[in-house]
């Protein structure tokens, strides 16, 4: 299958560079380009791409608001934020808005292409180091108390709560399996059930749920 992409960035040079990069890979296709957040939202509706590669700082509607509108729609388009700015407020704002990943523009080009494929496949791209930074950052804020009631996870089994806690700490399926002395397949199965029970679109939303319900607290 070909992954259809919309590039949303107010810098023509960035869009041109990504277009050239994608052109060398037959499994990826540029379906459209946007120079503003509003254009990105419109193209997401009109073209129904698999992934929107979204910058944050754009004129008018920024990338975070555009991400929120795209992911709130009825379509299945996913958003991968690609920006120069990796401040925690941008990372968290993007993920809260529904982005399935967050990258910075100085990453290796192959890593950016790999991230597009990961997000298109329905997974999320959030590094454990970013997860730890987010938790530490919000733990230091006065408004860091959980934003969702604990009852939001009351329907989970004890094992599922353990798995959700580990996901919230940025652990991969392999690491979860090692921590809980289960197989990787079993860990994946637990994560899949968490998606269903919590109505989560991807792993990023599980991380946010783990934090906002108090299952994961500030690092020691």
Protein backbone atom coordinates (compact mmCIF):
# COMPACT_ATOMS: atom_id res chain seq x y z
CA UNK A 1 0.00 0.00 0.00
CA UNK A 2 1.08 3.56 -0.71
CA UNK A 3 1.10 5.99 2.20
CA UNK A 4 -0.52 9.27 1.11
CA UNK A 5 0.97 12.34 2.77
CA UNK A 6 0.08 16.00 3.13
CA UNK A 7 3.01 18.30 3.94
CA UNK A 8 2.06 21.26 6.12
CA UNK A 9 4.84 23.82 6.58
CA UNK A 10 5.00 27.53 5.87
CA UNK A 11 8.55 27.23 4.50
CA UNK A 12 8.54 26.25 0.80
CA UNK A 13 12.14 25.02 1.08
CA UNK A 14 11.19 22.52 3.79
CA UNK A 15 8.26 21.22 1.76
CA UNK A 16 10.46 20.98 -1.33
CA UNK A 17 13.10 19.01 0.57
CA UNK A 18 10.57 16.56 1.94
CA UNK A 19 8.94 16.21 -1.47
CA UNK A 20 12.27 15.27 -3.06
CA UNK A 21 13.00 12.87 -0.20
CA UNK A 22 9.65 11.11 -0.53
CA UNK A 23 9.91 10.88 -4.33
CA UNK A 24 12.64 8.25 -4.02
CA UNK A 25 10.35 5.87 -2.11
CA UNK A 26 7.54 4.21 -4.11
CA UNK A 27 5.56 3.34 -0.98
CA UNK A 28 5.16 7.04 -0.13
CA UNK A 29 3.25 9.69 -2.08
CA UNK A 30 2.73 13.43 -1.58
CA UNK A 31 -1.01 14.01 -1.93
CA UNK A 32 -0.91 17.74 -1.20
CA UNK A 33 0.90 20.64 0.43
CA UNK A 34 -0.23 23.35 2.83
CA UNK A 35 1.45 26.56 3.96
CA UNK A 36 -0.95 27.26 6.84
CA UNK A 37 -2.78 25.32 9.50
CA UNK A 38 -6.13 26.17 7.93
CA UNK A 39 -4.98 24.77 4.58
CA UNK A 40 -3.79 21.60 6.30
CA UNK A 41 -7.24 21.09 7.84
CA UNK A 42 -8.94 21.65 4.51
CA UNK A 43 -6.64 19.22 2.68
CA UNK A 44 -7.10 16.60 5.39
CA UNK A 45 -10.84 16.75 4.73
CA UNK A 46 -10.64 16.99 0.94
CA UNK A 47 -7.86 14.47 0.31
CA UNK A 48 -8.17 12.11 3.32
CA UNK A 49 -4.41 11.42 3.44
CA UNK A 50 -2.96 8.75 5.68
CA UNK A 51 -0.58 11.18 7.39
CA UNK A 52 -0.24 14.93 7.70
CA UNK A 53 3.36 15.95 8.41
CA UNK A 54 2.67 19.09 10.45
CA UNK A 55 4.84 22.04 11.43
CA UNK A 56 3.85 23.91 14.62
CA UNK A 57 4.57 27.56 13.89
CA UNK A 58 2.57 28.66 10.87
CA UNK A 59 0.69 31.88 10.10
CA UNK A 60 -2.89 32.10 11.28
CA UNK A 61 -3.92 28.75 12.74
CA UNK A 62 -0.89 27.02 14.23
CA UNK A 63 -0.04 23.36 13.85
CA UNK A 64 -1.39 22.35 17.25
CA UNK A 65 -4.86 23.75 16.57
CA UNK A 66 -4.79 22.26 13.07
CA UNK A 67 -3.88 18.89 14.57
CA UNK A 68 -6.76 19.16 17.02
CA UNK A 69 -9.24 19.84 14.25
CA UNK A 70 -7.94 17.08 12.00
CA UNK A 71 -7.94 14.37 14.65
CA UNK A 72 -11.36 15.45 15.95
CA UNK A 73 -12.87 14.82 12.55
CA UNK A 74 -14.51 11.67 11.31
CA UNK A 75 -11.58 10.65 9.11
CA UNK A 76 -8.66 8.36 9.88
CA UNK A 77 -5.88 10.81 9.01
CA UNK A 78 -3.02 10.80 11.51
CA UNK A 79 -0.70 13.67 12.30
CA UNK A 80 3.07 13.55 12.66
CA UNK A 81 4.48 16.81 14.01
CA UNK A 82 7.81 17.78 12.46
CA UNK A 83 9.18 21.02 13.86
CA UNK A 84 12.31 22.95 14.74
CA UNK A 85 11.06 23.49 18.29
CA UNK A 86 11.17 20.62 20.78
CA UNK A 87 10.13 22.53 23.92
CA UNK A 88 8.01 20.37 26.20
CA UNK A 89 4.97 22.64 25.86
CA UNK A 90 4.97 22.03 22.11
CA UNK A 91 5.46 18.29 22.53
CA UNK A 92 2.67 17.92 25.06
CA UNK A 93 0.39 20.36 23.26
CA UNK A 94 0.76 18.39 20.04
CA UNK A 95 0.13 15.04 21.69
CA UNK A 96 -2.87 16.36 23.62
CA UNK A 97 -4.23 17.68 20.35
CA UNK A 98 -4.10 14.15 18.94
CA UNK A 99 -0.77 13.92 17.14
CA UNK A 100 0.61 10.41 16.80
CA UNK A 101 4.23 11.49 16.85
CA UNK A 102 6.65 14.33 17.38
CA UNK A 103 9.96 14.82 15.53
CA UNK A 104 12.45 17.62 15.13
CA UNK A 105 13.73 18.69 11.73
CA UNK A 106 17.38 17.95 12.46
CA UNK A 107 16.69 14.21 12.62
CA UNK A 108 18.14 11.88 10.02
CA UNK A 109 16.05 11.79 6.87
CA UNK A 110 15.67 8.03 7.06
CA UNK A 111 14.28 8.40 10.58
CA UNK A 112 11.68 10.87 9.34
CA UNK A 113 10.56 8.47 6.60
CA UNK A 114 10.45 5.61 9.10
CA UNK A 115 8.32 7.73 11.42
CA UNK A 116 5.83 8.46 8.63
CA UNK A 117 5.45 4.74 8.01
CA UNK A 118 5.08 3.98 11.73
CA UNK A 119 2.35 6.56 12.16
CA UNK A 120 0.57 5.48 8.96
CA UNK A 121 0.52 1.90 10.25
CA UNK A 122 -1.47 3.03 13.28
CA UNK A 123 1.30 3.13 15.83
CA UNK A 124 2.70 6.13 17.65
CA UNK A 125 6.15 7.59 17.86
CA UNK A 126 7.05 8.84 21.31
CA UNK A 127 10.50 8.23 22.70
CA UNK A 128 10.89 7.17 26.34
CA UNK A 129 13.14 10.18 26.92
CA UNK A 130 10.37 12.49 25.74
CA UNK A 131 7.88 10.70 27.97
CA UNK A 132 10.08 11.21 31.01
CA UNK A 133 10.57 14.88 30.15
CA UNK A 134 6.84 15.43 29.85
CA UNK A 135 6.10 13.77 33.19
CA UNK A 136 8.85 15.70 34.96
CA UNK A 137 7.72 18.95 33.39
CA UNK A 138 4.09 18.62 34.38
CA UNK A 139 4.92 17.33 37.83
CA UNK A 140 6.62 20.67 38.50
CA UNK A 141 3.58 22.72 37.54
CA UNK A 142 0.86 23.85 39.98
CA UNK A 143 -1.76 22.38 37.64
CA UNK A 144 0.00 19.02 37.51
CA UNK A 145 -2.78 17.15 39.35
CA UNK A 146 -4.44 14.38 37.32
CA UNK A 147 -6.95 15.85 34.87
CA UNK A 148 -9.05 12.71 34.56
CA UNK A 149 -10.71 10.89 37.46
CA UNK A 150 -9.17 7.64 38.63
CA UNK A 151 -12.42 5.88 37.79
CA UNK A 152 -11.47 6.23 34.13
CA UNK A 153 -9.24 3.16 34.65
CA UNK A 154 -11.43 1.31 37.15
CA UNK A 155 -12.56 -1.17 34.50
CA UNK A 156 -9.03 -2.43 33.94
CA UNK A 157 -7.69 -5.63 35.42
CA UNK A 158 -4.71 -5.42 37.76
CA UNK A 159 -2.44 -6.68 34.99
CA UNK A 160 -3.79 -4.10 32.53
CA UNK A 161 -3.15 -1.35 35.07
CA UNK A 162 0.43 -2.59 35.41
CA UNK A 163 0.86 -2.54 31.64
CA UNK A 164 -0.68 0.94 31.35
CA UNK A 165 1.67 2.22 34.04
CA UNK A 166 4.67 0.86 32.16
CA UNK A 167 3.45 2.33 28.87
CA UNK A 168 3.13 5.63 30.69
CA UNK A 169 6.75 5.36 31.74
CA UNK A 170 7.79 5.01 28.11
CA UNK A 171 8.44 1.28 28.14
CA UNK A 172 8.29 -0.63 24.87
CA UNK A 173 6.39 -3.91 24.49
CA UNK A 174 9.65 -5.82 24.78
CA UNK A 175 10.58 -3.97 27.98
CA UNK A 176 7.09 -4.51 29.41
CA UNK A 177 7.43 -8.23 28.72
CA UNK A 178 10.75 -8.30 30.54
CA UNK A 179 9.44 -6.31 33.50
CA UNK A 180 6.35 -8.47 33.97
CA UNK A 181 7.94 -11.81 32.98
CA UNK A 182 5.51 -12.36 30.13
CA UNK A 183 5.98 -12.89 26.41
CA UNK A 184 6.15 -9.97 23.99
CA UNK A 185 3.01 -11.30 22.29
CA UNK A 186 1.16 -11.19 25.61
CA UNK A 187 2.37 -7.65 26.24
CA UNK A 188 1.10 -6.60 22.81
CA UNK A 189 -2.24 -8.25 23.56
CA UNK A 190 -2.59 -6.31 26.81
CA UNK A 191 -1.76 -3.04 25.04
CA UNK A 192 -4.34 -3.79 22.34
CA UNK A 193 -7.01 -4.38 24.99
CA UNK A 194 -6.07 -1.08 26.60
CA UNK A 195 -6.70 0.67 23.29
CA UNK A 196 -10.20 -0.83 23.20
CA UNK A 197 -11.12 -0.35 26.85
CA UNK A 198 -9.87 3.23 27.08
CA UNK A 199 -10.94 4.30 23.61
CA UNK A 200 -7.35 5.28 22.86
CA UNK A 201 -6.28 5.83 19.27
CA UNK A 202 -2.63 5.00 19.85
CA UNK A 203 0.16 4.61 22.38
CA UNK A 204 0.50 8.35 22.87
CA UNK A 205 -3.02 8.55 24.27
CA UNK A 206 -2.25 5.68 26.64
CA UNK A 207 0.74 7.63 27.97
CA UNK A 208 -1.45 10.68 28.55
CA UNK A 209 -4.15 8.60 30.26
CA UNK A 210 -1.59 6.97 32.56
CA UNK A 211 -0.36 10.38 33.63
CA UNK A 212 -3.70 12.17 33.91
CA UNK A 213 -5.30 9.44 36.02
CA UNK A 214 -2.37 9.38 38.41
CA UNK A 215 -1.02 5.94 37.52
CA UNK A 216 2.28 7.55 36.61
CA UNK A 217 3.76 10.27 38.76
CA UNK A 218 6.90 12.34 38.69
CA UNK A 219 10.20 10.46 38.32
CA UNK A 220 12.05 9.74 41.55
